Amino acid sequence: MAIFAVVLNEPNEELMARVKEAFVEPAHFQLTDHIAFVRSPLVSAQVAEKIGLRKGDSQIEDATGIVLRVESYSGWNSPALWEWLSSGEDGS
């Protein structure tokens, strides 16, 4: 299953609520009020559409941002994030 980063230009409560609803824990990890990660077999365009970040009937008009497929990662952050990112590497 792929990991996607949902990165909003500005915080949007409605969109983050959709992320939580569409990708029920443990399939999502909200890092900040405008960044979340989701684990899904979908492609990035389908993830964006599902959460309202793509033109169409489900679009959230005032939400702007991007959905990126995460191929690799590095940096310094919360241990909880690293644990979540690595939890699906073995297929779990």
Protein backbone atom coordinates (compact mmCIF):
# COMPACT_ATOMS: atom_id res chain seq x y z
CA MET A 1 0.00 0.00 0.00
CA ALA A 2 1.29 3.47 -0.87
CA ILE A 3 1.79 6.40 1.48
CA PHE A 4 0.60 9.84 0.41
CA ALA A 5 1.27 13.25 1.92
CA VAL A 6 -1.67 15.65 1.94
CA VAL A 7 -0.21 19.15 2.10
CA LEU A 8 -2.62 22.08 2.30
CA ASN A 9 -1.69 25.67 1.53
CA GLU A 10 -3.75 26.78 4.55
CA PRO A 11 -5.38 24.77 7.33
CA ASN A 12 -8.87 23.49 6.40
CA GLU A 13 -10.90 21.72 9.08
CA GLU A 14 -13.44 20.29 6.62
CA LEU A 15 -10.77 18.69 4.48
CA MET A 16 -8.90 17.22 7.45
CA ALA A 17 -12.21 15.82 8.71
CA ARG A 18 -12.64 14.10 5.33
CA VAL A 19 -9.13 12.66 5.59
CA LYS A 20 -10.01 11.15 8.98
CA GLU A 21 -13.35 9.86 7.68
CA ALA A 22 -12.03 8.42 4.39
CA PHE A 23 -8.84 6.93 5.84
CA VAL A 24 -9.80 5.66 9.28
CA GLU A 25 -6.97 5.13 11.77
CA PRO A 26 -4.47 3.66 11.41
CA ALA A 27 -4.67 4.59 7.70
CA HIS A 28 -3.99 8.28 8.42
CA PHE A 29 -1.57 10.30 10.52
CA GLN A 30 -2.23 14.02 11.00
CA LEU A 31 1.08 15.78 11.53
CA THR A 32 -0.16 19.39 11.67
CA ASP A 33 -3.35 21.31 10.92
CA HIS A 34 -2.37 21.38 7.25
CA ILE A 35 -0.29 18.21 6.73
CA ALA A 36 -1.46 14.61 6.94
CA PHE A 37 -0.27 11.26 5.68
CA VAL A 38 -2.56 8.50 4.41
CA ARG A 39 -1.96 4.88 3.50
CA SER A 40 -4.03 3.67 0.54
CA PRO A 41 -4.01 1.41 -2.53
CA LEU A 42 -5.43 4.33 -4.57
CA VAL A 43 -3.42 6.68 -6.81
CA SER A 44 -2.81 10.31 -5.83
CA ALA A 45 -5.62 11.70 -8.02
CA GLN A 46 -8.11 9.32 -6.40
CA VAL A 47 -6.94 10.28 -2.91
CA ALA A 48 -7.29 13.97 -3.79
CA GLU A 49 -10.79 13.43 -5.17
CA LYS A 50 -11.87 11.35 -2.17
CA ILE A 51 -10.93 14.10 0.29
CA GLY A 52 -12.24 17.04 -1.78
CA LEU A 53 -8.95 18.39 -3.09
CA ARG A 54 -9.74 17.93 -6.77
CA LYS A 55 -12.31 19.52 -9.07
CA GLY A 56 -15.60 17.69 -9.07
CA ASP A 57 -18.78 17.22 -7.07
CA SER A 58 -16.91 16.52 -3.83
CA GLN A 59 -14.48 19.48 -4.11
CA ILE A 60 -14.13 21.70 -1.06
CA GLU A 61 -14.18 25.14 -2.67
CA ASP A 62 -11.79 26.93 -0.31
CA ALA A 63 -9.28 24.09 0.07
CA THR A 64 -6.01 24.29 -1.83
CA GLY A 65 -3.10 21.91 -1.63
CA ILE A 66 -1.50 18.86 -3.11
CA VAL A 67 -1.41 15.09 -2.66
CA LEU A 68 2.04 13.55 -3.12
CA ARG A 69 3.00 9.89 -3.19
CA VAL A 70 5.82 9.38 -0.69
CA GLU A 71 8.58 7.21 -2.12
CA SER A 72 11.21 7.90 0.51
CA TYR A 73 11.65 10.13 3.53
CA SER A 74 14.28 11.58 5.79
CA GLY A 75 14.50 14.33 8.36
CA TRP A 76 13.90 15.11 12.00
CA ASN A 77 10.40 14.80 13.44
CA SER A 78 8.18 13.16 16.03
CA PRO A 79 9.01 9.51 16.81
CA ALA A 80 5.30 8.79 16.34
CA LEU A 81 5.57 9.86 12.69
CA TRP A 82 8.54 7.55 12.03
CA GLU A 83 6.70 4.69 13.71
CA TRP A 84 3.57 5.30 11.60
CA LEU A 85 5.58 5.57 8.38
CA SER A 86 7.44 2.34 9.04
CA SER A 87 4.40 0.40 10.31
CA GLY A 88 3.16 -0.36 6.80
CA GLU A 89 6.50 -1.32 5.29
CA ASP A 90 6.02 -4.96 6.20
CA GLY A 91 2.50 -4.99 4.78
CA SER A 92 0.75 -4.27 8.08
